[in-house]
Amino acid sequence: MFQLLRNIGLVLAAIGGALLASPVDLPSWLNDLGGYLTVAGGILSSVSQLTVVDGVNTHDSG
């Protein structure tokens, strides 16, 4: 479960980073959304990664 959440967080952070690094002039709400996605994805990935320890969480089906 936590591995799936970690991957979702990484995807959100990547999409947010792509929006922020876009060479095209985007509307301000889209730039804000990119920042929010980057922060949310980073937090979700880091918290999920803290709970996953290699070899210990054997019951995790994610």
PDB file of N, CA and C in Angstrom:
ATOM      1  N   MET A   1       0.818  -1.193   0.000  1.00  0.00           N
ATOM      2  CA  MET A   1       0.000   0.000   0.000  1.00  0.00           C
ATOM      3  C   MET A   1       0.858   1.252   0.000  1.00  0.00           C
ATOM      4  N   PHE A   2       1.875   1.288   0.875  1.00  0.00           N
ATOM      5  CA  PHE A   2       2.711   2.477   0.965  1.00  0.00           C
ATOM      6  C   PHE A   2       3.605   2.634  -0.261  1.00  0.00           C
ATOM      7  N   GLN A   3       3.963   1.527  -0.883  1.00  0.00           N
ATOM      8  CA  GLN A   3       4.749   1.622  -2.105  1.00  0.00           C
ATOM      9  C   GLN A   3       3.926   2.228  -3.231  1.00  0.00           C
ATOM     10  N   LEU A   4       2.648   1.907  -3.287  1.00  0.00           N
ATOM     11  CA  LEU A   4       1.760   2.501  -4.280  1.00  0.00           C
ATOM     12  C   LEU A   4       1.604   4.000  -4.028  1.00  0.00           C
ATOM     13  N   LEU A   5       1.431   4.384  -2.775  1.00  0.00           N
ATOM     14  CA  LEU A   5       1.326   5.795  -2.445  1.00  0.00           C
ATOM     15  C   LEU A   5       2.612   6.545  -2.764  1.00  0.00           C
ATOM     16  N   ARG A   6       3.752   5.904  -2.543  1.00  0.00           N
ATOM     17  CA  ARG A   6       5.034   6.517  -2.878  1.00  0.00           C
ATOM     18  C   ARG A   6       5.124   6.773  -4.369  1.00  0.00           C
ATOM     19  N   ASN A   7       4.702   5.797  -5.164  1.00  0.00           N
ATOM     20  CA  ASN A   7       4.748   5.961  -6.616  1.00  0.00           C
ATOM     21  C   ASN A   7       3.789   7.046  -7.092  1.00  0.00           C
ATOM     22  N   ILE A   8       2.625   7.119  -6.492  1.00  0.00           N
ATOM     23  CA  ILE A   8       1.678   8.182  -6.840  1.00  0.00           C
ATOM     24  C   ILE A   8       2.284   9.543  -6.501  1.00  0.00           C
ATOM     25  N   GLY A   9       2.942   9.631  -5.365  1.00  0.00           N
ATOM     26  CA  GLY A   9       3.597  10.873  -4.973  1.00  0.00           C
ATOM     27  C   GLY A   9       4.690  11.276  -5.944  1.00  0.00           C
ATOM     28  N   LEU A  10       5.443  10.296  -6.426  1.00  0.00           N
ATOM     29  CA  LEU A  10       6.489  10.595  -7.402  1.00  0.00           C
ATOM     30  C   LEU A  10       5.905  11.093  -8.712  1.00  0.00           C
ATOM     31  N   VAL A  11       4.798  10.509  -9.118  1.00  0.00           N
ATOM     32  CA  VAL A  11       4.140  10.954 -10.349  1.00  0.00           C
ATOM     33  C   VAL A  11       3.611  12.380 -10.186  1.00  0.00           C
ATOM     34  N   LEU A  12       2.983  12.665  -9.049  1.00  0.00           N
ATOM     35  CA  LEU A  12       2.482  14.016  -8.797  1.00  0.00           C
ATOM     36  C   LEU A  12       3.618  15.036  -8.803  1.00  0.00           C
ATOM     37  N   ALA A  13       4.729  14.691  -8.179  1.00  0.00           N
ATOM     38  CA  ALA A  13       5.868  15.596  -8.148  1.00  0.00           C
ATOM     39  C   ALA A  13       6.442  15.805  -9.547  1.00  0.00           C
ATOM     40  N   ALA A  14       6.469  14.754 -10.351  1.00  0.00           N
ATOM     41  CA  ALA A  14       6.980  14.888 -11.716  1.00  0.00           C
ATOM     42  C   ALA A  14       6.077  15.760 -12.577  1.00  0.00           C
ATOM     43  N   ILE A  15       4.766  15.592 -12.437  1.00  0.00           N
ATOM     44  CA  ILE A  15       3.833  16.423 -13.198  1.00  0.00           C
ATOM     45  C   ILE A  15       3.947  17.882 -12.755  1.00  0.00           C
ATOM     46  N   GLY A  16       4.018  18.099 -11.462  1.00  0.00           N
ATOM     47  CA  GLY A  16       4.177  19.462 -10.958  1.00  0.00           C
ATOM     48  C   GLY A  16       5.471  20.102 -11.422  1.00  0.00           C
ATOM     49  N   GLY A  17       6.552  19.327 -11.409  1.00  0.00           N
ATOM     50  CA  GLY A  17       7.833  19.846 -11.887  1.00  0.00           C
ATOM     51  C   GLY A  17       7.804  20.172 -13.364  1.00  0.00           C
ATOM     52  N   ALA A  18       7.098  19.352 -14.138  1.00  0.00           N
ATOM     53  CA  ALA A  18       6.982  19.626 -15.569  1.00  0.00           C
ATOM     54  C   ALA A  18       6.184  20.901 -15.819  1.00  0.00           C
ATOM     55  N   LEU A  19       5.144  21.120 -15.016  1.00  0.00           N
ATOM     56  CA  LEU A  19       4.371  22.353 -15.157  1.00  0.00           C
ATOM     57  C   LEU A  19       5.203  23.577 -14.793  1.00  0.00           C
ATOM     58  N   LEU A  20       5.997  23.460 -13.749  1.00  0.00           N
ATOM     59  CA  LEU A  20       6.817  24.588 -13.322  1.00  0.00           C
ATOM     60  C   LEU A  20       7.951  24.880 -14.299  1.00  0.00           C
ATOM     61  N   ALA A  21       8.488  23.848 -14.930  1.00  0.00           N
ATOM     62  CA  ALA A  21       9.625  24.022 -15.828  1.00  0.00           C
ATOM     63  C   ALA A  21       9.212  24.214 -17.279  1.00  0.00           C
ATOM     64  N   SER A  22       7.938  24.353 -17.531  1.00  0.00           N
ATOM     65  CA  SER A  22       7.444  24.493 -18.894  1.00  0.00           C
ATOM     66  C   SER A  22       7.971  25.776 -19.536  1.00  0.00           C
ATOM     67  N   PRO A  23       8.500  25.671 -20.768  1.00  0.00           N
ATOM     68  CA  PRO A  23       9.010  26.870 -21.438  1.00  0.00           C
ATOM     69  C   PRO A  23       7.897  27.765 -21.984  1.00  0.00           C
ATOM     70  N   VAL A  24       6.666  27.252 -22.002  1.00  0.00           N
ATOM     71  CA  VAL A  24       5.526  28.009 -22.495  1.00  0.00           C
ATOM     72  C   VAL A  24       4.961  28.854 -21.357  1.00  0.00           C
ATOM     73  N   ASP A  25       4.510  30.049 -21.676  1.00  0.00           N
ATOM     74  CA  ASP A  25       3.903  30.915 -20.669  1.00  0.00           C
ATOM     75  C   ASP A  25       2.523  30.376 -20.312  1.00  0.00           C
ATOM     76  N   LEU A  26       2.412  29.824 -19.109  1.00  0.00           N
ATOM     77  CA  LEU A  26       1.169  29.219 -18.646  1.00  0.00           C
ATOM     78  C   LEU A  26       0.394  30.214 -17.783  1.00  0.00           C
ATOM     79  N   PRO A  27      -0.911  30.025 -17.676  1.00  0.00           N
ATOM     80  CA  PRO A  27      -1.688  30.876 -16.762  1.00  0.00           C
ATOM     81  C   PRO A  27      -1.190  30.720 -15.321  1.00  0.00           C
ATOM     82  N   SER A  28      -1.414  31.747 -14.533  1.00  0.00           N
ATOM     83  CA  SER A  28      -0.872  31.739 -13.170  1.00  0.00           C
ATOM     84  C   SER A  28      -1.474  30.614 -12.330  1.00  0.00           C
ATOM     85  N   TRP A  29      -2.750  30.272 -12.549  1.00  0.00           N
ATOM     86  CA  TRP A  29      -3.356  29.201 -11.757  1.00  0.00           C
ATOM     87  C   TRP A  29      -2.708  27.864 -12.073  1.00  0.00           C
ATOM     88  N   LEU A  30      -2.221  27.696 -13.311  1.00  0.00           N
ATOM     89  CA  LEU A  30      -1.566  26.445 -13.674  1.00  0.00           C
ATOM     90  C   LEU A  30      -0.171  26.366 -13.051  1.00  0.00           C
ATOM     91  N   ASN A  31       0.504  27.505 -12.952  1.00  0.00           N
ATOM     92  CA  ASN A  31       1.791  27.528 -12.250  1.00  0.00           C
ATOM     93  C   ASN A  31       1.602  27.252 -10.765  1.00  0.00           C
ATOM     94  N   ASP A  32       0.539  27.809 -10.180  1.00  0.00           N
ATOM     95  CA  ASP A  32       0.244  27.522  -8.778  1.00  0.00           C
ATOM     96  C   ASP A  32      -0.052  26.042  -8.571  1.00  0.00           C
ATOM     97  N   LEU A  33      -0.827  25.468  -9.491  1.00  0.00           N
ATOM     98  CA  LEU A  33      -1.143  24.039  -9.411  1.00  0.00           C
ATOM     99  C   LEU A  33       0.128  23.196  -9.489  1.00  0.00           C
ATOM    100  N   GLY A  34       1.056  23.582 -10.353  1.00  0.00           N
ATOM    101  CA  GLY A  34       2.326  22.863 -10.450  1.00  0.00           C
ATOM    102  C   GLY A  34       3.099  22.894  -9.144  1.00  0.00           C
ATOM    103  N   GLY A  35       3.085  24.041  -8.483  1.00  0.00           N
ATOM    104  CA  GLY A  35       3.762  24.137  -7.188  1.00  0.00           C
ATOM    105  C   GLY A  35       3.101  23.282  -6.131  1.00  0.00           C
ATOM    106  N   TYR A  36       1.787  23.303  -6.104  1.00  0.00           N
ATOM    107  CA  TYR A  36       1.061  22.486  -5.131  1.00  0.00           C
ATOM    108  C   TYR A  36       1.273  20.996  -5.376  1.00  0.00           C
ATOM    109  N   LEU A  37       1.249  20.591  -6.654  1.00  0.00           N
ATOM    110  CA  LEU A  37       1.465  19.178  -6.979  1.00  0.00           C
ATOM    111  C   LEU A  37       2.871  18.735  -6.588  1.00  0.00           C
ATOM    112  N   THR A  38       3.840  19.603  -6.811  1.00  0.00           N
ATOM    113  CA  THR A  38       5.217  19.262  -6.460  1.00  0.00           C
ATOM    114  C   THR A  38       5.368  19.077  -4.952  1.00  0.00           C
ATOM    115  N   VAL A  39       4.809  19.989  -4.190  1.00  0.00           N
ATOM    116  CA  VAL A  39       4.906  19.888  -2.729  1.00  0.00           C
ATOM    117  C   VAL A  39       4.142  18.672  -2.212  1.00  0.00           C
ATOM    118  N   ALA A  40       2.912  18.489  -2.696  1.00  0.00           N
ATOM    119  CA  ALA A  40       2.113  17.347  -2.237  1.00  0.00           C
ATOM    120  C   ALA A  40       2.767  16.024  -2.617  1.00  0.00           C
ATOM    121  N   GLY A  41       3.289  15.943  -3.819  1.00  0.00           N
ATOM    122  CA  GLY A  41       3.960  14.713  -4.244  1.00  0.00           C
ATOM    123  C   GLY A  41       5.206  14.428  -3.437  1.00  0.00           C
ATOM    124  N   GLY A  42       5.969  15.468  -3.139  1.00  0.00           N
ATOM    125  CA  GLY A  42       7.172  15.284  -2.326  1.00  0.00           C
ATOM    126  C   GLY A  42       6.853  14.822  -0.922  1.00  0.00           C
ATOM    127  N   ILE A  43       5.833  15.410  -0.331  1.00  0.00           N
ATOM    128  CA  ILE A  43       5.438  15.012   1.028  1.00  0.00           C
ATOM    129  C   ILE A  43       4.902  13.588   1.037  1.00  0.00           C
ATOM    130  N   LEU A  44       4.040  13.270   0.070  1.00  0.00           N
ATOM    131  CA  LEU A  44       3.466  11.924   0.008  1.00  0.00           C
ATOM    132  C   LEU A  44       4.553  10.872  -0.204  1.00  0.00           C
ATOM    133  N   SER A  45       5.497  11.158  -1.074  1.00  0.00           N
ATOM    134  CA  SER A  45       6.578  10.204  -1.333  1.00  0.00           C
ATOM    135  C   SER A  45       7.475  10.024  -0.121  1.00  0.00           C
ATOM    136  N   SER A  46       7.820  11.117   0.532  1.00  0.00           N
ATOM    137  CA  SER A  46       8.735  10.997   1.666  1.00  0.00           C
ATOM    138  C   SER A  46       8.079  10.299   2.858  1.00  0.00           C
ATOM    139  N   VAL A  47       6.819  10.613   3.136  1.00  0.00           N
ATOM    140  CA  VAL A  47       6.141   9.954   4.255  1.00  0.00           C
ATOM    141  C   VAL A  47       5.949   8.470   3.955  1.00  0.00           C
ATOM    142  N   SER A  48       5.590   8.148   2.725  1.00  0.00           N
ATOM    143  CA  SER A  48       5.417   6.741   2.361  1.00  0.00           C
ATOM    144  C   SER A  48       6.736   5.994   2.396  1.00  0.00           C
ATOM    145  N   GLN A  49       7.812   6.654   2.006  1.00  0.00           N
ATOM    146  CA  GLN A  49       9.116   6.012   2.014  1.00  0.00           C
ATOM    147  C   GLN A  49       9.588   5.743   3.440  1.00  0.00           C
ATOM    148  N   LEU A  50       9.222   6.585   4.373  1.00  0.00           N
ATOM    149  CA  LEU A  50       9.609   6.360   5.768  1.00  0.00           C
ATOM    150  C   LEU A  50       8.996   5.087   6.329  1.00  0.00           C
ATOM    151  N   THR A  51       7.835   4.712   5.826  1.00  0.00           N
ATOM    152  CA  THR A  51       7.153   3.542   6.362  1.00  0.00           C
ATOM    153  C   THR A  51       7.597   2.249   5.696  1.00  0.00           C
ATOM    154  N   VAL A  52       8.320   2.323   4.587  1.00  0.00           N
ATOM    155  CA  VAL A  52       8.731   1.132   3.856  1.00  0.00           C
ATOM    156  C   VAL A  52      10.178   0.821   4.201  1.00  0.00           C
ATOM    157  N   VAL A  53      10.384  -0.345   4.806  1.00  0.00           N
ATOM    158  CA  VAL A  53      11.723  -0.807   5.127  1.00  0.00           C
ATOM    159  C   VAL A  53      11.933  -2.100   4.365  1.00  0.00           C
ATOM    160  N   ASP A  54      13.016  -2.186   3.626  1.00  0.00           N
ATOM    161  CA  ASP A  54      13.272  -3.367   2.810  1.00  0.00           C
ATOM    162  C   ASP A  54      13.331  -4.629   3.667  1.00  0.00           C
ATOM    163  N   GLY A  55      12.523  -5.616   3.292  1.00  0.00           N
ATOM    164  CA  GLY A  55      12.533  -6.906   3.952  1.00  0.00           C
ATOM    165  C   GLY A  55      11.693  -6.994   5.210  1.00  0.00           C
ATOM    166  N   VAL A  56      11.197  -5.887   5.718  1.00  0.00           N
ATOM    167  CA  VAL A  56      10.417  -5.910   6.947  1.00  0.00           C
ATOM    168  C   VAL A  56       8.928  -5.943   6.642  1.00  0.00           C
ATOM    169  N   ASN A  57       8.481  -5.151   5.685  1.00  0.00           N
ATOM    170  CA  ASN A  57       7.058  -5.080   5.347  1.00  0.00           C
ATOM    171  C   ASN A  57       6.710  -6.150   4.322  1.00  0.00           C
ATOM    172  N   THR A  58       6.692  -7.392   4.748  1.00  0.00           N
ATOM    173  CA  THR A  58       6.433  -8.491   3.834  1.00  0.00           C
ATOM    174  C   THR A  58       4.946  -8.639   3.538  1.00  0.00           C
ATOM    175  N   HIS A  59       4.074  -8.052   4.366  1.00  0.00           N
ATOM    176  CA  HIS A  59       2.640  -8.175   4.154  1.00  0.00           C
ATOM    177  C   HIS A  59       2.102  -7.067   3.259  1.00  0.00           C
ATOM    178  N   ASP A  60       2.983  -6.181   2.801  1.00  0.00           N
ATOM    179  CA  ASP A  60       2.575  -5.062   1.955  1.00  0.00           C
ATOM    180  C   ASP A  60       2.381  -5.590   0.529  1.00  0.00           C
ATOM    181  N   SER A  61       1.178  -5.465   0.003  1.00  0.00           N
ATOM    182  CA  SER A  61       0.895  -6.010  -1.333  1.00  0.00           C
ATOM    183  C   SER A  61       1.144  -4.996  -2.427  1.00  0.00           C
ATOM    184  N   GLY A  62       1.522  -3.748  -2.085  1.00  0.00           N
ATOM    185  CA  GLY A  62       1.680  -2.679  -3.057  1.00  0.00           C
ATOM    186  C   GLY A  62       2.780  -2.926  -3.985  1.00  0.00           C
TER     187      GLY A  62
END
